[in-house]
PDB file of all heavy atoms in Angstrom:
ATOM      1  N   PRO A   1      -1.656  -7.824  -9.843  1.00  0.00           N
ATOM      2  CA  PRO A   1      -1.263  -6.722 -10.723  1.00  0.00           C
ATOM      3  C   PRO A   1      -2.391  -6.236 -11.615  1.00  0.00           C
ATOM      4  O   PRO A   1      -2.548  -5.040 -11.849  1.00  0.00           O
ATOM      5  CB  PRO A   1      -0.120  -7.334 -11.542  1.00  0.00           C
ATOM      6  CG  PRO A   1       0.437  -8.417 -10.678  1.00  0.00           C
ATOM      7  CD  PRO A   1      -0.743  -8.967  -9.937  1.00  0.00           C
ATOM      8  N   ALA A   2      -3.214  -7.167 -12.131  1.00  0.00           N
ATOM      9  CA  ALA A   2      -4.325  -6.757 -12.991  1.00  0.00           C
ATOM     10  C   ALA A   2      -5.342  -5.942 -12.222  1.00  0.00           C
ATOM     11  O   ALA A   2      -5.874  -4.939 -12.715  1.00  0.00           O
ATOM     12  CB  ALA A   2      -4.985  -7.997 -13.591  1.00  0.00           C
ATOM     13  N   VAL A   3      -5.611  -6.367 -10.964  1.00  0.00           N
ATOM     14  CA  VAL A   3      -6.553  -5.616 -10.134  1.00  0.00           C
ATOM     15  C   VAL A   3      -5.999  -4.231  -9.833  1.00  0.00           C
ATOM     16  O   VAL A   3      -6.707  -3.226  -9.893  1.00  0.00           O
ATOM     17  CB  VAL A   3      -6.840  -6.376  -8.823  1.00  0.00           C
ATOM     18  CG1 VAL A   3      -7.719  -5.546  -7.908  1.00  0.00           C
ATOM     19  CG2 VAL A   3      -7.488  -7.714  -9.130  1.00  0.00           C
ATOM     20  N   ALA A   4      -4.705  -4.171  -9.507  1.00  0.00           N
ATOM     21  CA  ALA A   4      -4.083  -2.886  -9.198  1.00  0.00           C
ATOM     22  C   ALA A   4      -4.125  -1.956 -10.403  1.00  0.00           C
ATOM     23  O   ALA A   4      -4.371  -0.760 -10.278  1.00  0.00           O
ATOM     24  CB  ALA A   4      -2.642  -3.109  -8.757  1.00  0.00           C
ATOM     25  N   GLU A   5      -3.906  -2.524 -11.612  1.00  0.00           N
ATOM     26  CA  GLU A   5      -3.910  -1.692 -12.815  1.00  0.00           C
ATOM     27  C   GLU A   5      -5.296  -1.123 -13.074  1.00  0.00           C
ATOM     28  O   GLU A   5      -5.456   0.054 -13.396  1.00  0.00           O
ATOM     29  CB  GLU A   5      -3.442  -2.527 -14.005  1.00  0.00           C
ATOM     30  CG  GLU A   5      -3.353  -1.732 -15.303  1.00  0.00           C
ATOM     31  CD  GLU A   5      -2.839  -2.583 -16.452  1.00  0.00           C
ATOM     32  OE1 GLU A   5      -2.427  -3.728 -16.208  1.00  0.00           O
ATOM     33  OE2 GLU A   5      -2.858  -2.087 -17.596  1.00  0.00           O
ATOM     34  N   ASN A   6      -6.326  -1.969 -12.901  1.00  0.00           N
ATOM     35  CA  ASN A   6      -7.693  -1.479 -13.100  1.00  0.00           C
ATOM     36  C   ASN A   6      -8.063  -0.433 -12.065  1.00  0.00           C
ATOM     37  O   ASN A   6      -8.771   0.524 -12.363  1.00  0.00           O
ATOM     38  CB  ASN A   6      -8.677  -2.650 -13.026  1.00  0.00           C
ATOM     39  CG  ASN A   6      -8.515  -3.609 -14.192  1.00  0.00           C
ATOM     40  OD1 ASN A   6      -8.059  -3.201 -15.265  1.00  0.00           O
ATOM     41  ND2 ASN A   6      -8.866  -4.875 -13.984  1.00  0.00           N
ATOM     42  N   TYR A   7      -7.565  -0.617 -10.850  1.00  0.00           N
ATOM     43  CA  TYR A   7      -7.867   0.333  -9.787  1.00  0.00           C
ATOM     44  C   TYR A   7      -7.267   1.696 -10.099  1.00  0.00           C
ATOM     45  O   TYR A   7      -7.885   2.722  -9.892  1.00  0.00           O
ATOM     46  CB  TYR A   7      -7.327  -0.175  -8.454  1.00  0.00           C
ATOM     47  CG  TYR A   7      -7.483   0.814  -7.319  1.00  0.00           C
ATOM     48  CD1 TYR A   7      -8.722   1.007  -6.708  1.00  0.00           C
ATOM     49  CD2 TYR A   7      -6.408   1.578  -6.886  1.00  0.00           C
ATOM     50  CE1 TYR A   7      -8.874   1.921  -5.690  1.00  0.00           C
ATOM     51  CE2 TYR A   7      -6.552   2.492  -5.860  1.00  0.00           C
ATOM     52  CZ  TYR A   7      -7.784   2.657  -5.268  1.00  0.00           C
ATOM     53  OH  TYR A   7      -7.929   3.573  -4.263  1.00  0.00           O
ATOM     54  N   GLU A   8      -6.052   1.673 -10.653  1.00  0.00           N
ATOM     55  CA  GLU A   8      -5.379   2.940 -10.951  1.00  0.00           C
ATOM     56  C   GLU A   8      -6.126   3.740 -12.004  1.00  0.00           C
ATOM     57  O   GLU A   8      -6.061   4.961 -12.041  1.00  0.00           O
ATOM     58  CB  GLU A   8      -3.943   2.663 -11.417  1.00  0.00           C
ATOM     59  CG  GLU A   8      -3.036   2.164 -10.279  1.00  0.00           C
ATOM     60  CD  GLU A   8      -1.667   1.740 -10.782  1.00  0.00           C
ATOM     61  OE1 GLU A   8      -1.457   1.826 -12.015  1.00  0.00           O
ATOM     62  OE2 GLU A   8      -0.837   1.322  -9.956  1.00  0.00           O
ATOM     63  N   LEU A   9      -6.871   3.034 -12.886  1.00  0.00           N
ATOM     64  CA  LEU A   9      -7.599   3.725 -13.947  1.00  0.00           C
ATOM     65  C   LEU A   9      -8.779   4.516 -13.407  1.00  0.00           C
ATOM     66  O   LEU A   9      -9.182   5.521 -13.980  1.00  0.00           O
ATOM     67  CB  LEU A   9      -8.091   2.707 -14.982  1.00  0.00           C
ATOM     68  CG  LEU A   9      -6.991   1.992 -15.785  1.00  0.00           C
ATOM     69  CD1 LEU A   9      -7.617   0.942 -16.707  1.00  0.00           C
ATOM     70  CD2 LEU A   9      -6.181   3.002 -16.611  1.00  0.00           C
ATOM     71  N   ILE A  10      -9.332   4.051 -12.271  1.00  0.00           N
ATOM     72  CA  ILE A  10     -10.527   4.709 -11.745  1.00  0.00           C
ATOM     73  C   ILE A  10     -10.258   5.472 -10.457  1.00  0.00           C
ATOM     74  O   ILE A  10     -11.095   6.247 -10.011  1.00  0.00           O
ATOM     75  CB  ILE A  10     -11.652   3.677 -11.481  1.00  0.00           C
ATOM     76  CG1 ILE A  10     -11.202   2.655 -10.438  1.00  0.00           C
ATOM     77  CG2 ILE A  10     -12.039   2.972 -12.767  1.00  0.00           C
ATOM     78  CD1 ILE A  10     -12.297   1.681 -10.022  1.00  0.00           C
ATOM     79  N   ALA A  11      -9.101   5.260  -9.864  1.00  0.00           N
ATOM     80  CA  ALA A  11      -8.808   5.886  -8.577  1.00  0.00           C
ATOM     81  C   ALA A  11      -8.469   7.356  -8.773  1.00  0.00           C
ATOM     82  O   ALA A  11      -7.860   7.735  -9.781  1.00  0.00           O
ATOM     83  CB  ALA A  11      -7.646   5.179  -7.899  1.00  0.00           C
ATOM     84  N   PRO A  12      -8.866   8.218  -7.821  1.00  0.00           N
ATOM     85  CA  PRO A  12      -8.490   9.627  -7.905  1.00  0.00           C
ATOM     86  C   PRO A  12      -7.004   9.809  -7.670  1.00  0.00           C
ATOM     87  O   PRO A  12      -6.319   8.895  -7.200  1.00  0.00           O
ATOM     88  CB  PRO A  12      -9.304  10.265  -6.774  1.00  0.00           C
ATOM     89  CG  PRO A  12      -9.528   9.152  -5.804  1.00  0.00           C
ATOM     90  CD  PRO A  12      -9.663   7.905  -6.634  1.00  0.00           C
ATOM     91  N   ALA A  13      -6.512  10.970  -8.004  1.00  0.00           N
ATOM     92  CA  ALA A  13      -5.101  11.265  -7.798  1.00  0.00           C
ATOM     93  C   ALA A  13      -4.767  11.133  -6.317  1.00  0.00           C
ATOM     94  O   ALA A  13      -5.541  11.576  -5.458  1.00  0.00           O
ATOM     95  CB  ALA A  13      -4.781  12.671  -8.282  1.00  0.00           C
ATOM     96  N   PRO A  14      -3.659  10.511  -5.984  1.00  0.00           N
ATOM     97  CA  PRO A  14      -3.321  10.306  -4.569  1.00  0.00           C
ATOM     98  C   PRO A  14      -3.080  11.624  -3.856  1.00  0.00           C
ATOM     99  O   PRO A  14      -2.527  12.566  -4.420  1.00  0.00           O
ATOM    100  CB  PRO A  14      -2.042   9.468  -4.633  1.00  0.00           C
ATOM    101  CG  PRO A  14      -1.460   9.766  -5.985  1.00  0.00           C
ATOM    102  CD  PRO A  14      -2.623   9.997  -6.882  1.00  0.00           C
ATOM    103  N   VAL A  15      -3.526  11.677  -2.599  1.00  0.00           N
ATOM    104  CA  VAL A  15      -3.315  12.854  -1.761  1.00  0.00           C
ATOM    105  C   VAL A  15      -2.091  12.597  -0.890  1.00  0.00           C
ATOM    106  O   VAL A  15      -1.898  11.490  -0.383  1.00  0.00           O
ATOM    107  CB  VAL A  15      -4.559  13.131  -0.880  1.00  0.00           C
ATOM    108  CG1 VAL A  15      -4.311  14.319   0.026  1.00  0.00           C
ATOM    109  CG2 VAL A  15      -5.774  13.358  -1.753  1.00  0.00           C
ATOM    110  N   ALA A  16      -1.261  13.617  -0.736  1.00  0.00           N
ATOM    111  CA  ALA A  16      -0.063  13.453   0.088  1.00  0.00           C
ATOM    112  C   ALA A  16      -0.454  12.977   1.481  1.00  0.00           C
ATOM    113  O   ALA A  16      -1.378  13.515   2.095  1.00  0.00           O
ATOM    114  CB  ALA A  16       0.702  14.769   0.158  1.00  0.00           C
ATOM    115  N   GLU A  17       0.238  11.981   1.966  1.00  0.00           N
ATOM    116  CA  GLU A  17      -0.080  11.426   3.267  1.00  0.00           C
ATOM    117  C   GLU A  17       1.035  11.743   4.250  1.00  0.00           C
ATOM    118  O   GLU A  17       2.167  12.006   3.858  1.00  0.00           O
ATOM    119  CB  GLU A  17      -0.271   9.914   3.178  1.00  0.00           C
ATOM    120  CG  GLU A  17       0.979   9.156   2.761  1.00  0.00           C
ATOM    121  CD  GLU A  17       0.751   7.656   2.724  1.00  0.00           C
ATOM    122  OE1 GLU A  17      -0.379   7.212   2.946  1.00  0.00           O
ATOM    123  OE2 GLU A  17       1.732   6.925   2.497  1.00  0.00           O
ATOM    124  N   PRO A  18       0.718  11.734   5.526  1.00  0.00           N
ATOM    125  CA  PRO A  18       1.760  11.969   6.529  1.00  0.00           C
ATOM    126  C   PRO A  18       2.853  10.915   6.416  1.00  0.00           C
ATOM    127  O   PRO A  18       2.572   9.754   6.123  1.00  0.00           O
ATOM    128  CB  PRO A  18       1.002  11.841   7.854  1.00  0.00           C
ATOM    129  CG  PRO A  18      -0.434  12.061   7.514  1.00  0.00           C
ATOM    130  CD  PRO A  18      -0.609  11.533   6.136  1.00  0.00           C
ATOM    131  N   PRO A  19       4.100  11.297   6.654  1.00  0.00           N
ATOM    132  CA  PRO A  19       5.193  10.311   6.600  1.00  0.00           C
ATOM    133  C   PRO A  19       4.940   9.098   7.486  1.00  0.00           C
ATOM    134  O   PRO A  19       5.358   7.992   7.150  1.00  0.00           O
ATOM    135  CB  PRO A  19       6.401  11.118   7.072  1.00  0.00           C
ATOM    136  CG  PRO A  19       6.101  12.522   6.660  1.00  0.00           C
ATOM    137  CD  PRO A  19       4.616  12.668   6.855  1.00  0.00           C
ATOM    138  N   GLU A  20       4.261   9.301   8.630  1.00  0.00           N
ATOM    139  CA  GLU A  20       4.032   8.152   9.509  1.00  0.00           C
ATOM    140  C   GLU A  20       3.120   7.126   8.864  1.00  0.00           C
ATOM    141  O   GLU A  20       3.257   5.922   9.125  1.00  0.00           O
ATOM    142  CB  GLU A  20       3.450   8.603  10.854  1.00  0.00           C
ATOM    143  CG  GLU A  20       3.189   7.425  11.781  1.00  0.00           C
ATOM    144  CD  GLU A  20       3.043   7.802  13.233  1.00  0.00           C
ATOM    145  OE1 GLU A  20       3.941   8.492  13.763  1.00  0.00           O
ATOM    146  OE2 GLU A  20       2.038   7.413  13.841  1.00  0.00           O
ATOM    147  N   ASN A  21       2.168   7.559   8.033  1.00  0.00           N
ATOM    148  CA  ASN A  21       1.302   6.594   7.360  1.00  0.00           C
ATOM    149  C   ASN A  21       2.123   5.654   6.492  1.00  0.00           C
ATOM    150  O   ASN A  21       1.875   4.447   6.444  1.00  0.00           O
ATOM    151  CB  ASN A  21       0.267   7.327   6.506  1.00  0.00           C
ATOM    152  CG  ASN A  21      -0.826   7.968   7.340  1.00  0.00           C
ATOM    153  OD1 ASN A  21      -0.655   8.144   8.541  1.00  0.00           O
ATOM    154  ND2 ASN A  21      -1.928   8.320   6.719  1.00  0.00           N
ATOM    155  N   THR A  22       3.092   6.214   5.792  1.00  0.00           N
ATOM    156  CA  THR A  22       3.977   5.388   4.963  1.00  0.00           C
ATOM    157  C   THR A  22       4.793   4.432   5.828  1.00  0.00           C
ATOM    158  O   THR A  22       4.928   3.239   5.509  1.00  0.00           O
ATOM    159  CB  THR A  22       4.928   6.281   4.144  1.00  0.00           C
ATOM    160  OG1 THR A  22       4.158   7.209   3.372  1.00  0.00           O
ATOM    161  CG2 THR A  22       5.800   5.450   3.221  1.00  0.00           C
ATOM    162  N   ARG A  23       5.333   4.969   6.925  1.00  0.00           N
ATOM    163  CA  ARG A  23       6.126   4.116   7.820  1.00  0.00           C
ATOM    164  C   ARG A  23       5.290   2.987   8.399  1.00  0.00           C
ATOM    165  O   ARG A  23       5.756   1.843   8.507  1.00  0.00           O
ATOM    166  CB  ARG A  23       6.736   4.961   8.947  1.00  0.00           C
ATOM    167  CG  ARG A  23       7.819   5.919   8.492  1.00  0.00           C
ATOM    168  CD  ARG A  23       8.575   6.476   9.680  1.00  0.00           C
ATOM    169  NE  ARG A  23       7.798   7.430  10.446  1.00  0.00           N
ATOM    170  CZ  ARG A  23       7.806   8.742  10.258  1.00  0.00           C
ATOM    171  NH1 ARG A  23       8.541   9.261   9.288  1.00  0.00           N
ATOM    172  NH2 ARG A  23       7.088   9.542  11.025  1.00  0.00           N
ATOM    173  N   LEU A  24       4.058   3.287   8.788  1.00  0.00           N
ATOM    174  CA  LEU A  24       3.192   2.274   9.389  1.00  0.00           C
ATOM    175  C   LEU A  24       2.835   1.194   8.374  1.00  0.00           C
ATOM    176  O   LEU A  24       2.807  -0.002   8.705  1.00  0.00           O
ATOM    177  CB  LEU A  24       1.918   2.928   9.929  1.00  0.00           C
ATOM    178  CG  LEU A  24       0.938   2.023  10.685  1.00  0.00           C
ATOM    179  CD1 LEU A  24       1.627   1.354  11.863  1.00  0.00           C
ATOM    180  CD2 LEU A  24      -0.271   2.812  11.155  1.00  0.00           C
ATOM    181  N   ARG A  25       2.579   1.601   7.146  1.00  0.00           N
ATOM    182  CA  ARG A  25       2.265   0.616   6.107  1.00  0.00           C
ATOM    183  C   ARG A  25       3.464  -0.293   5.846  1.00  0.00           C
ATOM    184  O   ARG A  25       3.322  -1.514   5.731  1.00  0.00           O
ATOM    185  CB  ARG A  25       1.841   1.338   4.835  1.00  0.00           C
ATOM    186  CG  ARG A  25       1.404   0.391   3.725  1.00  0.00           C
ATOM    187  CD  ARG A  25       0.688   1.117   2.603  1.00  0.00           C
ATOM    188  NE  ARG A  25       1.505   2.191   2.061  1.00  0.00           N
ATOM    189  CZ  ARG A  25       1.258   3.495   2.233  1.00  0.00           C
ATOM    190  NH1 ARG A  25       0.213   3.870   2.956  1.00  0.00           N
ATOM    191  NH2 ARG A  25       2.038   4.415   1.701  1.00  0.00           N
ATOM    192  N   GLU A  26       4.639   0.285   5.762  1.00  0.00           N
ATOM    193  CA  GLU A  26       5.846  -0.515   5.548  1.00  0.00           C
ATOM    194  C   GLU A  26       6.116  -1.434   6.737  1.00  0.00           C
ATOM    195  O   GLU A  26       6.568  -2.575   6.572  1.00  0.00           O
ATOM    196  CB  GLU A  26       7.044   0.404   5.302  1.00  0.00           C
ATOM    197  CG  GLU A  26       6.956   1.173   3.988  1.00  0.00           C
ATOM    198  CD  GLU A  26       8.062   2.200   3.839  1.00  0.00           C
ATOM    199  OE1 GLU A  26       8.775   2.458   4.855  1.00  0.00           O
ATOM    200  OE2 GLU A  26       8.222   2.754   2.744  1.00  0.00           O
ATOM    201  N   TRP A  27       5.837  -0.938   7.941  1.00  0.00           N
ATOM    202  CA  TRP A  27       6.014  -1.739   9.158  1.00  0.00           C
ATOM    203  C   TRP A  27       5.095  -2.955   9.126  1.00  0.00           C
ATOM    204  O   TRP A  27       5.523  -4.089   9.408  1.00  0.00           O
ATOM    205  CB  TRP A  27       5.731  -0.866  10.372  1.00  0.00           C
ATOM    206  CG  TRP A  27       5.717  -1.567  11.695  1.00  0.00           C
ATOM    207  CD1 TRP A  27       4.648  -2.172  12.295  1.00  0.00           C
ATOM    208  CD2 TRP A  27       6.824  -1.757  12.595  1.00  0.00           C
ATOM    209  NE1 TRP A  27       5.008  -2.690  13.512  1.00  0.00           N
ATOM    210  CE2 TRP A  27       6.331  -2.458  13.719  1.00  0.00           C
ATOM    211  CE3 TRP A  27       8.159  -1.378  12.560  1.00  0.00           C
ATOM    212  CZ2 TRP A  27       7.132  -2.800  14.796  1.00  0.00           C
ATOM    213  CZ3 TRP A  27       8.971  -1.724  13.637  1.00  0.00           C
ATOM    214  CH2 TRP A  27       8.465  -2.422  14.731  1.00  0.00           C
ATOM    215  N   ASP A  28       3.836  -2.743   8.785  1.00  0.00           N
ATOM    216  CA  ASP A  28       2.882  -3.851   8.721  1.00  0.00           C
ATOM    217  C   ASP A  28       3.252  -4.838   7.614  1.00  0.00           C
ATOM    218  O   ASP A  28       3.177  -6.053   7.805  1.00  0.00           O
ATOM    219  CB  ASP A  28       1.462  -3.318   8.492  1.00  0.00           C
ATOM    220  CG  ASP A  28       0.895  -2.628   9.718  1.00  0.00           C
ATOM    221  OD1 ASP A  28       1.378  -2.909  10.828  1.00  0.00           O
ATOM    222  OD2 ASP A  28      -0.027  -1.799   9.581  1.00  0.00           O
ATOM    223  N   ASN A  29       3.635  -4.314   6.473  1.00  0.00           N
ATOM    224  CA  ASN A  29       3.973  -5.192   5.353  1.00  0.00           C
ATOM    225  C   ASN A  29       5.189  -6.072   5.661  1.00  0.00           C
ATOM    226  O   ASN A  29       5.293  -7.193   5.163  1.00  0.00           O
ATOM    227  CB  ASN A  29       4.262  -4.373   4.100  1.00  0.00           C
ATOM    228  CG  ASN A  29       3.012  -3.701   3.553  1.00  0.00           C
ATOM    229  OD1 ASN A  29       1.899  -3.992   3.988  1.00  0.00           O
ATOM    230  ND2 ASN A  29       3.188  -2.807   2.602  1.00  0.00           N
ATOM    231  N   ALA A  30       6.114  -5.547   6.464  1.00  0.00           N
ATOM    232  CA  ALA A  30       7.349  -6.278   6.767  1.00  0.00           C
ATOM    233  C   ALA A  30       7.161  -7.323   7.857  1.00  0.00           C
ATOM    234  O   ALA A  30       8.098  -8.080   8.154  1.00  0.00           O
ATOM    235  CB  ALA A  30       8.446  -5.299   7.180  1.00  0.00           C
ATOM    236  N   ASP A  31       5.981  -7.378   8.464  1.00  0.00           N
ATOM    237  CA  ASP A  31       5.752  -8.334   9.551  1.00  0.00           C
ATOM    238  C   ASP A  31       5.918  -9.758   9.037  1.00  0.00           C
ATOM    239  O   ASP A  31       5.499 -10.107   7.928  1.00  0.00           O
ATOM    240  CB  ASP A  31       4.343  -8.143  10.121  1.00  0.00           C
ATOM    241  CG  ASP A  31       4.169  -8.792  11.474  1.00  0.00           C
ATOM    242  OD1 ASP A  31       4.935  -9.734  11.792  1.00  0.00           O
ATOM    243  OD2 ASP A  31       3.274  -8.378  12.222  1.00  0.00           O
ATOM    244  N   ILE A  32       6.506 -10.601   9.861  1.00  0.00           N
ATOM    245  CA  ILE A  32       6.774 -11.982   9.484  1.00  0.00           C
ATOM    246  C   ILE A  32       5.498 -12.733   9.110  1.00  0.00           C
ATOM    247  O   ILE A  32       5.524 -13.637   8.269  1.00  0.00           O
ATOM    248  CB  ILE A  32       7.508 -12.706  10.641  1.00  0.00           C
ATOM    249  CG1 ILE A  32       8.029 -14.060  10.181  1.00  0.00           C
ATOM    250  CG2 ILE A  32       6.604 -12.844  11.868  1.00  0.00           C
ATOM    251  CD1 ILE A  32       8.918 -14.730  11.203  1.00  0.00           C
ATOM    252  N   ILE A  33       4.372 -12.334   9.677  1.00  0.00           N
ATOM    253  CA  ILE A  33       3.126 -13.049   9.370  1.00  0.00           C
ATOM    254  C   ILE A  33       2.669 -12.789   7.937  1.00  0.00           C
ATOM    255  O   ILE A  33       1.843 -13.547   7.403  1.00  0.00           O
ATOM    256  CB  ILE A  33       1.999 -12.664  10.352  1.00  0.00           C
ATOM    257  CG1 ILE A  33       1.651 -11.180  10.239  1.00  0.00           C
ATOM    258  CG2 ILE A  33       2.359 -13.057  11.774  1.00  0.00           C
ATOM    259  CD1 ILE A  33       0.475 -10.768  11.092  1.00  0.00           C
ATOM    260  N   HIS A  34       3.178 -11.726   7.304  1.00  0.00           N
ATOM    261  CA  HIS A  34       2.840 -11.450   5.914  1.00  0.00           C
ATOM    262  C   HIS A  34       3.962 -11.856   4.960  1.00  0.00           C
ATOM    263  O   HIS A  34       3.864 -11.635   3.754  1.00  0.00           O
ATOM    264  CB  HIS A  34       2.536  -9.962   5.726  1.00  0.00           C
ATOM    265  CG  HIS A  34       1.391  -9.482   6.547  1.00  0.00           C
ATOM    266  ND1 HIS A  34       0.141 -10.050   6.495  1.00  0.00           N
ATOM    267  CD2 HIS A  34       1.292  -8.470   7.459  1.00  0.00           C
ATOM    268  CE1 HIS A  34      -0.675  -9.424   7.330  1.00  0.00           C
ATOM    269  NE2 HIS A  34       0.003  -8.468   7.932  1.00  0.00           N
ATOM    270  N   GLN A  35       5.021 -12.435   5.500  1.00  0.00           N
ATOM    271  CA  GLN A  35       6.171 -12.794   4.682  1.00  0.00           C
ATOM    272  C   GLN A  35       6.360 -14.300   4.527  1.00  0.00           C
ATOM    273  O   GLN A  35       6.949 -14.747   3.551  1.00  0.00           O
ATOM    274  CB  GLN A  35       7.456 -12.194   5.299  1.00  0.00           C
ATOM    275  CG  GLN A  35       7.453 -10.682   5.421  1.00  0.00           C
ATOM    276  CD  GLN A  35       7.440  -9.989   4.071  1.00  0.00           C
ATOM    277  OE1 GLN A  35       8.102 -10.424   3.142  1.00  0.00           O
ATOM    278  NE2 GLN A  35       6.681  -8.917   3.965  1.00  0.00           N
ATOM    279  N   ILE A  36       5.881 -15.072   5.494  1.00  0.00           N
ATOM    280  CA  ILE A  36       6.144 -16.511   5.515  1.00  0.00           C
ATOM    281  C   ILE A  36       4.844 -17.291   5.406  1.00  0.00           C
ATOM    282  O   ILE A  36       3.883 -17.028   6.139  1.00  0.00           O
ATOM    283  CB  ILE A  36       6.898 -16.905   6.800  1.00  0.00           C
ATOM    284  CG1 ILE A  36       8.279 -16.231   6.814  1.00  0.00           C
ATOM    285  CG2 ILE A  36       7.037 -18.415   6.918  1.00  0.00           C
ATOM    286  CD1 ILE A  36       9.108 -16.549   8.028  1.00  0.00           C
ATOM    287  N   ASN A  37       4.830 -18.246   4.502  1.00  0.00           N
ATOM    288  CA  ASN A  37       3.659 -19.095   4.306  1.00  0.00           C
ATOM    289  C   ASN A  37       3.546 -20.082   5.461  1.00  0.00           C
ATOM    290  O   ASN A  37       4.494 -20.809   5.778  1.00  0.00           O
ATOM    291  CB  ASN A  37       3.803 -19.859   2.975  1.00  0.00           C
ATOM    292  CG  ASN A  37       2.538 -20.621   2.599  1.00  0.00           C
ATOM    293  OD1 ASN A  37       2.070 -21.467   3.353  1.00  0.00           O
ATOM    294  ND2 ASN A  37       2.006 -20.316   1.432  1.00  0.00           N
TER     295      ASN A  37
END
């Protein structure tokens, strides 16, 4: 969270992304390899 907060202070305003980019990111994040230790 601290890294994310610092990043937001220097990052440019987000550019609208294609809906598929959002879907692909959510798909990758939901993978079992990123959910289970």
